[in-house]
Amino acid sequence: MLEIEKLFDLSQEIKKTDLLVVLKEEVSNIHITDIMRASAFLKEDAKYVQASYREGYRKAYVEGFILRITDLKNDKSQHGGYVDLEEFKKALNLLGDQRAQLEIEGNFDPCFSKLYVTMSLYTSFILEEPIHVVGTPFPGGFEVKFQDGEYLCPVKDKQKDNPGAVCGFCIAKQEEGV
């Protein structure tokens, strides 16, 4: 179970403003040493990415997870409405399963995990943006796009059966013809 699950009654609606307060509290406990460790983890993890996409991968993850910490800390917008509770539960389950699997495999980094969970929930349920930032490159020369008012991902459908992918609750739609 993720710590954030303990803070909400998942049988009742959750206001976006309430989730934002909790996520801000999560990032307020992230220190520069945590960010440095998470960055080192990303750099190490990137060595397994195809060389031609490695730098774009690193940049996308730094933008999507590390630089957005400041965005979250400074977010003073009035995010009205409620979180889609079923999607939120699905996200928490998926993120919890991922964490458990990484712990079993010995590839768990608590600093990166905290960032990953917090920022995935922030982008999906508060900003209503895709988890991978627009421009994130994927093999084949494809990337996440914003087109005609929709976020499009070139790999969403290919990842639907991947238990380690956050695509299951990401708001991006599969890009047609890819």
N, C-alpha and C. Protein backbone atom coordinates (compact mmCIF):
# COMPACT_ATOMS: atom_id res chain seq x y z
N MET A 1 0.83 -1.18 0.00
CA MET A 1 0.00 0.00 0.00
C MET A 1 0.88 1.25 0.00
N LEU A 2 0.51 2.22 -0.80
CA LEU A 2 1.22 3.49 -0.84
C LEU A 2 0.76 4.36 0.32
N GLU A 3 1.65 5.19 0.82
CA GLU A 3 1.32 6.08 1.94
C GLU A 3 0.12 6.97 1.62
N ILE A 4 0.04 7.43 0.40
CA ILE A 4 -1.02 8.35 0.01
C ILE A 4 -2.41 7.70 0.15
N GLU A 5 -2.48 6.40 -0.01
CA GLU A 5 -3.76 5.70 0.12
C GLU A 5 -4.33 5.83 1.53
N LYS A 6 -3.48 5.94 2.50
CA LYS A 6 -3.91 6.03 3.89
C LYS A 6 -4.55 7.38 4.21
N LEU A 7 -4.37 8.36 3.35
CA LEU A 7 -4.83 9.71 3.61
C LEU A 7 -6.23 10.00 3.08
N PHE A 8 -6.78 9.09 2.31
CA PHE A 8 -8.08 9.32 1.70
C PHE A 8 -9.03 8.16 1.97
N ASP A 9 -10.30 8.48 2.09
CA ASP A 9 -11.35 7.48 2.12
C ASP A 9 -11.72 7.23 0.66
N LEU A 10 -11.29 6.11 0.13
CA LEU A 10 -11.46 5.84 -1.30
C LEU A 10 -12.88 5.40 -1.66
N SER A 11 -13.79 5.50 -0.69
CA SER A 11 -15.19 5.19 -1.00
C SER A 11 -15.98 6.49 -1.22
N GLN A 12 -15.30 7.64 -1.05
CA GLN A 12 -15.96 8.93 -1.22
C GLN A 12 -15.21 9.78 -2.24
N GLU A 13 -15.93 10.73 -2.82
CA GLU A 13 -15.30 11.62 -3.79
C GLU A 13 -14.13 12.38 -3.16
N ILE A 14 -13.13 12.66 -3.98
CA ILE A 14 -11.96 13.41 -3.53
C ILE A 14 -11.87 14.69 -4.35
N LYS A 15 -11.85 15.82 -3.66
CA LYS A 15 -11.70 17.10 -4.35
C LYS A 15 -10.26 17.21 -4.86
N LYS A 16 -10.12 17.79 -6.03
CA LYS A 16 -8.78 18.02 -6.58
C LYS A 16 -7.95 18.89 -5.64
N THR A 17 -8.60 19.87 -5.01
CA THR A 17 -7.86 20.74 -4.09
C THR A 17 -7.32 19.95 -2.90
N ASP A 18 -8.06 18.95 -2.43
CA ASP A 18 -7.59 18.12 -1.31
C ASP A 18 -6.41 17.26 -1.73
N LEU A 19 -6.49 16.70 -2.93
CA LEU A 19 -5.36 15.91 -3.44
C LEU A 19 -4.14 16.80 -3.62
N LEU A 20 -4.34 17.99 -4.13
CA LEU A 20 -3.23 18.92 -4.33
C LEU A 20 -2.52 19.22 -3.01
N VAL A 21 -3.27 19.44 -1.95
CA VAL A 21 -2.68 19.71 -0.63
C VAL A 21 -1.79 18.54 -0.20
N VAL A 22 -2.27 17.33 -0.38
CA VAL A 22 -1.51 16.14 0.01
C VAL A 22 -0.25 16.00 -0.84
N LEU A 23 -0.37 16.21 -2.13
CA LEU A 23 0.79 16.11 -3.01
C LEU A 23 1.83 17.18 -2.70
N LYS A 24 1.37 18.39 -2.37
CA LYS A 24 2.30 19.45 -1.98
C LYS A 24 3.04 19.07 -0.70
N GLU A 25 2.32 18.45 0.22
CA GLU A 25 2.95 18.00 1.47
C GLU A 25 4.02 16.95 1.16
N GLU A 26 3.73 16.05 0.21
CA GLU A 26 4.70 15.03 -0.18
C GLU A 26 5.98 15.67 -0.71
N VAL A 27 5.84 16.66 -1.60
CA VAL A 27 7.05 17.26 -2.17
C VAL A 27 7.75 18.20 -1.19
N SER A 28 7.05 18.67 -0.19
CA SER A 28 7.71 19.53 0.79
C SER A 28 8.73 18.74 1.60
N ASN A 29 8.57 17.43 1.61
CA ASN A 29 9.49 16.55 2.33
C ASN A 29 10.62 16.02 1.45
N ILE A 30 10.66 16.46 0.21
CA ILE A 30 11.72 16.04 -0.70
C ILE A 30 12.84 17.07 -0.62
N HIS A 31 14.03 16.61 -0.31
CA HIS A 31 15.18 17.49 -0.15
C HIS A 31 16.11 17.36 -1.35
N ILE A 32 17.04 18.28 -1.47
CA ILE A 32 17.97 18.29 -2.60
C ILE A 32 18.74 16.98 -2.69
N THR A 33 19.06 16.37 -1.57
CA THR A 33 19.77 15.08 -1.61
C THR A 33 18.88 13.99 -2.21
N ASP A 34 17.57 14.06 -1.94
CA ASP A 34 16.63 13.11 -2.54
C ASP A 34 16.58 13.29 -4.06
N ILE A 35 16.57 14.54 -4.48
CA ILE A 35 16.53 14.86 -5.92
C ILE A 35 17.82 14.37 -6.59
N MET A 36 18.94 14.57 -5.92
CA MET A 36 20.22 14.11 -6.47
C MET A 36 20.23 12.58 -6.58
N ARG A 37 19.72 11.89 -5.57
CA ARG A 37 19.66 10.42 -5.63
C ARG A 37 18.72 9.96 -6.73
N ALA A 38 17.58 10.62 -6.86
CA ALA A 38 16.63 10.25 -7.91
C ALA A 38 17.25 10.50 -9.29
N SER A 39 17.98 11.59 -9.44
CA SER A 39 18.65 11.88 -10.71
C SER A 39 19.69 10.82 -11.03
N ALA A 40 20.44 10.41 -10.02
CA ALA A 40 21.45 9.36 -10.22
C ALA A 40 20.78 8.05 -10.61
N PHE A 41 19.65 7.75 -9.99
CA PHE A 41 18.89 6.54 -10.33
C PHE A 41 18.45 6.60 -11.79
N LEU A 42 17.93 7.75 -12.23
CA LEU A 42 17.51 7.91 -13.63
C LEU A 42 18.68 7.73 -14.59
N LYS A 43 19.80 8.31 -14.23
CA LYS A 43 20.98 8.19 -15.10
C LYS A 43 21.40 6.74 -15.23
N GLU A 44 21.40 6.03 -14.13
CA GLU A 44 21.77 4.61 -14.14
C GLU A 44 20.75 3.81 -14.95
N ASP A 45 19.47 4.09 -14.74
CA ASP A 45 18.41 3.38 -15.44
C ASP A 45 18.46 3.64 -16.95
N ALA A 46 18.88 4.84 -17.33
CA ALA A 46 18.93 5.21 -18.75
C ALA A 46 19.96 4.43 -19.54
N LYS A 47 20.91 3.82 -18.86
CA LYS A 47 21.92 3.08 -19.62
C LYS A 47 21.33 1.88 -20.35
N TYR A 48 20.12 1.49 -19.98
CA TYR A 48 19.45 0.38 -20.66
C TYR A 48 18.60 0.83 -21.84
N VAL A 49 18.48 2.14 -22.02
CA VAL A 49 17.71 2.70 -23.12
C VAL A 49 18.59 2.76 -24.36
N GLN A 50 17.99 2.46 -25.49
CA GLN A 50 18.70 2.50 -26.77
C GLN A 50 19.48 3.81 -26.88
N ALA A 51 20.73 3.73 -27.26
CA ALA A 51 21.64 4.88 -27.25
C ALA A 51 21.08 6.11 -27.96
N SER A 52 20.42 5.91 -29.08
CA SER A 52 19.92 7.06 -29.84
C SER A 52 18.77 7.79 -29.14
N TYR A 53 18.16 7.18 -28.13
CA TYR A 53 17.06 7.79 -27.40
C TYR A 53 17.43 8.15 -25.96
N ARG A 54 18.63 7.79 -25.55
CA ARG A 54 19.04 7.94 -24.15
C ARG A 54 18.96 9.38 -23.66
N GLU A 55 19.50 10.33 -24.41
CA GLU A 55 19.51 11.72 -23.94
C GLU A 55 18.09 12.28 -23.89
N GLY A 56 17.27 11.99 -24.87
CA GLY A 56 15.88 12.44 -24.86
C GLY A 56 15.10 11.83 -23.72
N TYR A 57 15.39 10.57 -23.41
CA TYR A 57 14.76 9.87 -22.29
C TYR A 57 15.11 10.57 -20.98
N ARG A 58 16.39 10.82 -20.78
CA ARG A 58 16.83 11.51 -19.55
C ARG A 58 16.16 12.88 -19.43
N LYS A 59 16.20 13.64 -20.52
CA LYS A 59 15.62 14.99 -20.51
C LYS A 59 14.13 14.94 -20.18
N ALA A 60 13.40 14.01 -20.79
CA ALA A 60 11.96 13.90 -20.54
C ALA A 60 11.68 13.54 -19.09
N TYR A 61 12.46 12.65 -18.52
CA TYR A 61 12.23 12.27 -17.13
C TYR A 61 12.63 13.39 -16.17
N VAL A 62 13.68 14.10 -16.48
CA VAL A 62 14.07 15.23 -15.63
C VAL A 62 12.97 16.29 -15.68
N GLU A 63 12.47 16.60 -16.87
CA GLU A 63 11.39 17.58 -17.00
C GLU A 63 10.11 17.10 -16.33
N GLY A 64 9.76 15.85 -16.58
CA GLY A 64 8.49 15.33 -16.11
C GLY A 64 8.43 15.04 -14.63
N PHE A 65 9.54 14.70 -14.05
CA PHE A 65 9.50 14.29 -12.65
C PHE A 65 10.29 15.20 -11.73
N ILE A 66 11.42 15.69 -12.15
CA ILE A 66 12.26 16.45 -11.23
C ILE A 66 11.96 17.95 -11.32
N LEU A 67 11.92 18.51 -12.52
CA LEU A 67 11.66 19.94 -12.63
C LEU A 67 10.22 20.30 -12.26
N ARG A 68 9.30 19.37 -12.40
CA ARG A 68 7.91 19.65 -12.05
C ARG A 68 7.70 19.74 -10.54
N ILE A 69 8.67 19.35 -9.76
CA ILE A 69 8.55 19.49 -8.31
C ILE A 69 8.29 20.96 -7.98
N THR A 70 9.03 21.85 -8.62
CA THR A 70 8.85 23.29 -8.39
C THR A 70 7.47 23.72 -8.83
N ASP A 71 7.00 23.19 -9.96
CA ASP A 71 5.65 23.53 -10.42
C ASP A 71 4.62 23.15 -9.37
N LEU A 72 4.75 21.96 -8.82
CA LEU A 72 3.81 21.50 -7.80
C LEU A 72 3.91 22.36 -6.54
N LYS A 73 5.12 22.60 -6.08
CA LYS A 73 5.29 23.42 -4.86
C LYS A 73 4.66 24.80 -5.02
N ASN A 74 4.75 25.37 -6.22
CA ASN A 74 4.27 26.73 -6.46
C ASN A 74 2.86 26.78 -7.04
N ASP A 75 2.20 25.66 -7.18
CA ASP A 75 0.87 25.61 -7.80
C ASP A 75 -0.15 26.29 -6.88
N LYS A 76 -0.63 27.43 -7.31
CA LYS A 76 -1.63 28.17 -6.54
C LYS A 76 -2.95 28.25 -7.31
N SER A 77 -3.04 27.48 -8.38
CA SER A 77 -4.25 27.48 -9.19
C SER A 77 -5.41 26.87 -8.41
N GLN A 78 -6.58 27.29 -8.76
CA GLN A 78 -7.79 26.72 -8.16
C GLN A 78 -8.27 25.60 -9.06
N HIS A 79 -7.88 24.40 -8.72
CA HIS A 79 -8.26 23.24 -9.51
C HIS A 79 -9.62 22.76 -9.01
N GLY A 80 -10.65 23.14 -9.73
CA GLY A 80 -12.01 22.78 -9.32
C GLY A 80 -12.34 21.35 -9.69
N GLY A 81 -13.38 20.86 -9.09
CA GLY A 81 -13.89 19.55 -9.43
C GLY A 81 -13.32 18.44 -8.57
N TYR A 82 -13.62 17.25 -9.00
CA TYR A 82 -13.24 16.06 -8.26
C TYR A 82 -12.35 15.15 -9.10
N VAL A 83 -11.60 14.34 -8.40
CA VAL A 83 -10.75 13.34 -9.03
C VAL A 83 -11.65 12.21 -9.52
N ASP A 84 -11.35 11.66 -10.69
CA ASP A 84 -12.05 10.46 -11.16
C ASP A 84 -11.64 9.33 -10.23
N LEU A 85 -12.55 8.95 -9.34
CA LEU A 85 -12.22 8.02 -8.26
C LEU A 85 -11.80 6.64 -8.78
N GLU A 86 -12.47 6.14 -9.79
CA GLU A 86 -12.11 4.82 -10.32
C GLU A 86 -10.71 4.84 -10.94
N GLU A 87 -10.41 5.90 -11.70
CA GLU A 87 -9.08 6.03 -12.29
C GLU A 87 -8.02 6.23 -11.21
N PHE A 88 -8.37 6.95 -10.17
CA PHE A 88 -7.44 7.19 -9.06
C PHE A 88 -7.12 5.87 -8.35
N LYS A 89 -8.13 5.08 -8.09
CA LYS A 89 -7.91 3.76 -7.47
C LYS A 89 -7.04 2.89 -8.36
N LYS A 90 -7.32 2.92 -9.66
CA LYS A 90 -6.53 2.14 -10.61
C LYS A 90 -5.07 2.59 -10.58
N ALA A 91 -4.86 3.90 -10.53
CA ALA A 91 -3.51 4.45 -10.47
C ALA A 91 -2.79 4.01 -9.20
N LEU A 92 -3.46 4.11 -8.08
CA LEU A 92 -2.84 3.71 -6.81
C LEU A 92 -2.49 2.23 -6.81
N ASN A 93 -3.38 1.41 -7.34
CA ASN A 93 -3.10 -0.03 -7.41
C ASN A 93 -1.90 -0.31 -8.31
N LEU A 94 -1.89 0.31 -9.47
CA LEU A 94 -0.79 0.09 -10.40
C LEU A 94 0.54 0.56 -9.81
N LEU A 95 0.54 1.75 -9.22
CA LEU A 95 1.77 2.28 -8.63
C LEU A 95 2.22 1.43 -7.45
N GLY A 96 1.29 0.93 -6.65
CA GLY A 96 1.63 0.05 -5.54
C GLY A 96 2.19 -1.28 -6.02
N ASP A 97 1.59 -1.83 -7.07
CA ASP A 97 2.10 -3.09 -7.65
C ASP A 97 3.50 -2.90 -8.22
N GLN A 98 3.72 -1.77 -8.89
CA GLN A 98 5.05 -1.48 -9.44
C GLN A 98 6.09 -1.43 -8.33
N ARG A 99 5.74 -0.74 -7.27
CA ARG A 99 6.68 -0.61 -6.15
C ARG A 99 7.02 -1.98 -5.57
N ALA A 100 6.00 -2.80 -5.36
CA ALA A 100 6.23 -4.14 -4.81
C ALA A 100 7.12 -4.96 -5.72
N GLN A 101 6.88 -4.87 -7.04
CA GLN A 101 7.70 -5.63 -7.99
C GLN A 101 9.14 -5.15 -7.99
N LEU A 102 9.34 -3.85 -7.95
CA LEU A 102 10.70 -3.30 -7.92
C LEU A 102 11.43 -3.70 -6.63
N GLU A 103 10.70 -3.75 -5.53
CA GLU A 103 11.32 -4.18 -4.27
C GLU A 103 11.76 -5.64 -4.37
N ILE A 104 10.92 -6.47 -4.97
CA ILE A 104 11.25 -7.89 -5.15
C ILE A 104 12.49 -8.03 -6.03
N GLU A 105 12.55 -7.25 -7.10
CA GLU A 105 13.66 -7.32 -8.05
C GLU A 105 14.93 -6.66 -7.52
N GLY A 106 14.81 -5.92 -6.42
CA GLY A 106 15.97 -5.22 -5.87
C GLY A 106 16.32 -3.97 -6.65
N ASN A 107 15.37 -3.45 -7.42
CA ASN A 107 15.60 -2.26 -8.25
C ASN A 107 14.77 -1.07 -7.74
N PHE A 108 14.49 -1.06 -6.45
CA PHE A 108 13.65 -0.03 -5.87
C PHE A 108 14.51 1.09 -5.31
N ASP A 109 14.20 2.31 -5.69
CA ASP A 109 14.87 3.48 -5.14
C ASP A 109 13.80 4.33 -4.47
N PRO A 110 13.82 4.47 -3.16
CA PRO A 110 12.76 5.19 -2.46
C PRO A 110 12.64 6.66 -2.88
N CYS A 111 13.74 7.30 -3.18
CA CYS A 111 13.70 8.72 -3.61
C CYS A 111 13.00 8.85 -4.95
N PHE A 112 13.40 8.03 -5.91
CA PHE A 112 12.77 8.12 -7.22
C PHE A 112 11.31 7.68 -7.13
N SER A 113 11.03 6.64 -6.35
CA SER A 113 9.67 6.15 -6.22
C SER A 113 8.73 7.24 -5.70
N LYS A 114 9.17 7.96 -4.68
CA LYS A 114 8.33 9.03 -4.12
C LYS A 114 8.06 10.11 -5.18
N LEU A 115 9.08 10.49 -5.91
CA LEU A 115 8.91 11.47 -6.99
C LEU A 115 7.97 10.93 -8.07
N TYR A 116 8.19 9.70 -8.46
CA TYR A 116 7.43 9.07 -9.54
C TYR A 116 5.94 9.01 -9.19
N VAL A 117 5.64 8.57 -8.00
CA VAL A 117 4.24 8.46 -7.56
C VAL A 117 3.62 9.85 -7.47
N THR A 118 4.28 10.75 -6.78
CA THR A 118 3.73 12.09 -6.56
C THR A 118 3.50 12.81 -7.88
N MET A 119 4.50 12.79 -8.75
CA MET A 119 4.38 13.54 -9.99
C MET A 119 3.42 12.87 -10.98
N SER A 120 3.35 11.55 -10.97
CA SER A 120 2.38 10.86 -11.83
C SER A 120 0.96 11.23 -11.43
N LEU A 121 0.69 11.27 -10.14
CA LEU A 121 -0.64 11.64 -9.67
C LEU A 121 -0.93 13.12 -9.93
N TYR A 122 0.06 13.97 -9.74
CA TYR A 122 -0.11 15.40 -10.00
C TYR A 122 -0.44 15.67 -11.46
N THR A 123 0.35 15.11 -12.36
CA THR A 123 0.11 15.38 -13.78
C THR A 123 -1.21 14.79 -14.25
N SER A 124 -1.53 13.59 -13.79
CA SER A 124 -2.74 12.91 -14.26
C SER A 124 -4.03 13.49 -13.67
N PHE A 125 -4.03 13.73 -12.37
CA PHE A 125 -5.28 14.07 -11.71
C PHE A 125 -5.46 15.54 -11.36
N ILE A 126 -4.39 16.30 -11.34
CA ILE A 126 -4.50 17.73 -11.08
C ILE A 126 -4.34 18.52 -12.38
N LEU A 127 -3.22 18.33 -13.06
CA LEU A 127 -2.97 19.07 -14.30
C LEU A 127 -3.76 18.51 -15.49
N GLU A 128 -4.13 17.25 -15.39
CA GLU A 128 -4.80 16.54 -16.49
C GLU A 128 -3.95 16.60 -17.76
N GLU A 129 -2.69 16.24 -17.57
CA GLU A 129 -1.72 16.16 -18.65
C GLU A 129 -1.14 14.75 -18.64
N PRO A 130 -0.50 14.36 -19.75
CA PRO A 130 0.11 13.02 -19.76
C PRO A 130 1.30 12.95 -18.81
N ILE A 131 1.58 11.76 -18.35
CA ILE A 131 2.69 11.56 -17.42
C ILE A 131 4.01 11.86 -18.11
N HIS A 132 4.18 11.39 -19.33
CA HIS A 132 5.36 11.74 -20.12
C HIS A 132 5.08 13.07 -20.80
N VAL A 133 5.97 14.04 -20.61
CA VAL A 133 5.76 15.37 -21.16
C VAL A 133 5.71 15.34 -22.69
N VAL A 134 5.02 16.33 -23.24
CA VAL A 134 4.97 16.47 -24.69
C VAL A 134 6.40 16.56 -25.19
N GLY A 135 6.69 15.79 -26.22
CA GLY A 135 8.04 15.76 -26.78
C GLY A 135 8.86 14.56 -26.32
N THR A 136 8.34 13.78 -25.35
CA THR A 136 9.08 12.60 -24.90
C THR A 136 9.28 11.67 -26.10
N PRO A 137 10.54 11.34 -26.41
CA PRO A 137 10.80 10.50 -27.58
C PRO A 137 10.62 9.02 -27.29
N PHE A 138 10.22 8.30 -28.32
CA PHE A 138 10.10 6.84 -28.27
C PHE A 138 10.77 6.27 -29.52
N PRO A 139 11.21 5.03 -29.45
CA PRO A 139 11.84 4.40 -30.62
C PRO A 139 10.95 4.51 -31.86
N GLY A 140 11.60 4.66 -32.97
CA GLY A 140 10.90 4.81 -34.24
C GLY A 140 10.71 6.27 -34.63
N GLY A 141 11.25 7.18 -33.82
CA GLY A 141 11.12 8.60 -34.12
C GLY A 141 9.80 9.20 -33.68
N PHE A 142 9.06 8.50 -32.83
CA PHE A 142 7.77 8.99 -32.37
C PHE A 142 7.93 9.73 -31.05
N GLU A 143 6.95 10.56 -30.73
CA GLU A 143 6.99 11.29 -29.46
C GLU A 143 5.57 11.61 -29.00
N VAL A 144 5.44 11.94 -27.72
CA VAL A 144 4.16 12.38 -27.17
C VAL A 144 3.85 13.75 -27.77
N LYS A 145 2.59 13.94 -28.20
CA LYS A 145 2.19 15.18 -28.88
C LYS A 145 0.94 15.76 -28.24
N PHE A 146 0.73 17.05 -28.49
CA PHE A 146 -0.53 17.71 -28.18
C PHE A 146 -1.06 18.22 -29.50
N GLN A 147 -2.20 17.67 -29.92
CA GLN A 147 -2.72 17.98 -31.24
C GLN A 147 -4.24 18.06 -31.18
N ASP A 148 -4.81 19.11 -31.72
CA ASP A 148 -6.26 19.29 -31.75
C ASP A 148 -6.91 19.11 -30.38
N GLY A 149 -6.25 19.64 -29.34
CA GLY A 149 -6.81 19.60 -27.99
C GLY A 149 -6.67 18.28 -27.26
N GLU A 150 -5.91 17.33 -27.85
CA GLU A 150 -5.73 16.03 -27.20
C GLU A 150 -4.24 15.69 -27.10
N TYR A 151 -3.91 14.98 -26.04
CA TYR A 151 -2.56 14.46 -25.88
C TYR A 151 -2.53 13.08 -26.55
N LEU A 152 -1.52 12.89 -27.37
CA LEU A 152 -1.39 11.65 -28.13
C LEU A 152 -0.08 10.96 -27.80
N CYS A 153 -0.15 9.66 -27.59
CA CYS A 153 1.03 8.87 -27.26
C CYS A 153 1.20 7.78 -28.31
N PRO A 154 2.41 7.58 -28.77
CA PRO A 154 2.64 6.57 -29.80
C PRO A 154 2.72 5.14 -29.27
N VAL A 155 2.79 4.96 -27.95
CA VAL A 155 3.00 3.61 -27.40
C VAL A 155 1.94 3.16 -26.40
N LYS A 156 0.92 3.96 -26.18
CA LYS A 156 -0.06 3.64 -25.14
C LYS A 156 -0.66 2.24 -25.31
N ASP A 157 -1.15 1.93 -26.49
CA ASP A 157 -1.76 0.61 -26.71
C ASP A 157 -0.75 -0.53 -26.57
N LYS A 158 0.48 -0.28 -26.97
CA LYS A 158 1.51 -1.32 -26.88
C LYS A 158 1.91 -1.61 -25.44
N GLN A 159 1.59 -0.70 -24.53
CA GLN A 159 1.96 -0.85 -23.12
C GLN A 159 0.80 -1.31 -22.24
N LYS A 160 -0.38 -1.52 -22.82
CA LYS A 160 -1.55 -1.81 -22.00
C LYS A 160 -1.42 -3.09 -21.17
N ASP A 161 -0.62 -4.04 -21.63
CA ASP A 161 -0.44 -5.28 -20.88
C ASP A 161 0.85 -5.29 -20.07
N ASN A 162 1.55 -4.17 -20.04
CA ASN A 162 2.80 -4.06 -19.30
C ASN A 162 2.47 -3.61 -17.87
N PRO A 163 2.63 -4.48 -16.88
CA PRO A 163 2.26 -4.11 -15.52
C PRO A 163 3.14 -3.01 -14.94
N GLY A 164 4.29 -2.74 -15.55
CA GLY A 164 5.17 -1.69 -15.06
C GLY A 164 4.92 -0.34 -15.69
N ALA A 165 3.97 -0.25 -16.59
CA ALA A 165 3.72 1.01 -17.31
C ALA A 165 2.60 1.80 -16.65
N VAL A 166 2.77 3.11 -16.57
CA VAL A 166 1.74 3.98 -16.01
C VAL A 166 0.71 4.36 -17.07
N CYS A 167 0.85 3.80 -18.24
CA CYS A 167 -0.05 4.10 -19.36
C CYS A 167 -1.52 3.79 -19.02
N GLY A 168 -1.72 2.86 -18.11
CA GLY A 168 -3.08 2.46 -17.75
C GLY A 168 -3.94 3.58 -17.21
N PHE A 169 -3.33 4.58 -16.60
CA PHE A 169 -4.13 5.70 -16.09
C PHE A 169 -3.71 7.05 -16.69
N CYS A 170 -2.76 7.03 -17.59
CA CYS A 170 -2.34 8.27 -18.26
C CYS A 170 -3.47 8.77 -19.15
N ILE A 171 -3.66 10.08 -19.19
CA ILE A 171 -4.78 10.65 -19.95
C ILE A 171 -4.53 10.70 -21.46
N ALA A 172 -3.29 10.49 -21.89
CA ALA A 172 -3.00 10.53 -23.33
C ALA A 172 -3.77 9.42 -24.04
N LYS A 173 -4.12 9.70 -25.26
CA LYS A 173 -4.79 8.71 -26.11
C LYS A 173 -3.76 8.13 -27.07
N GLN A 174 -4.01 6.93 -27.55
CA GLN A 174 -3.13 6.31 -28.53
C GLN A 174 -3.17 7.12 -29.81
N GLU A 175 -2.00 7.46 -30.34
CA GLU A 175 -1.92 8.16 -31.61
C GLU A 175 -2.33 7.19 -32.73
N GLU A 176 -3.25 7.62 -33.55
CA GLU A 176 -3.75 6.79 -34.65
C GLU A 176 -2.64 6.51 -35.66
N GLY A 177 -2.64 5.32 -36.19
CA GLY A 177 -1.70 4.97 -37.24
C GLY A 177 -0.28 4.66 -36.79
N VAL A 178 -0.06 4.61 -35.50
CA VAL A 178 1.27 4.31 -34.99
C VAL A 178 1.27 2.93 -34.38
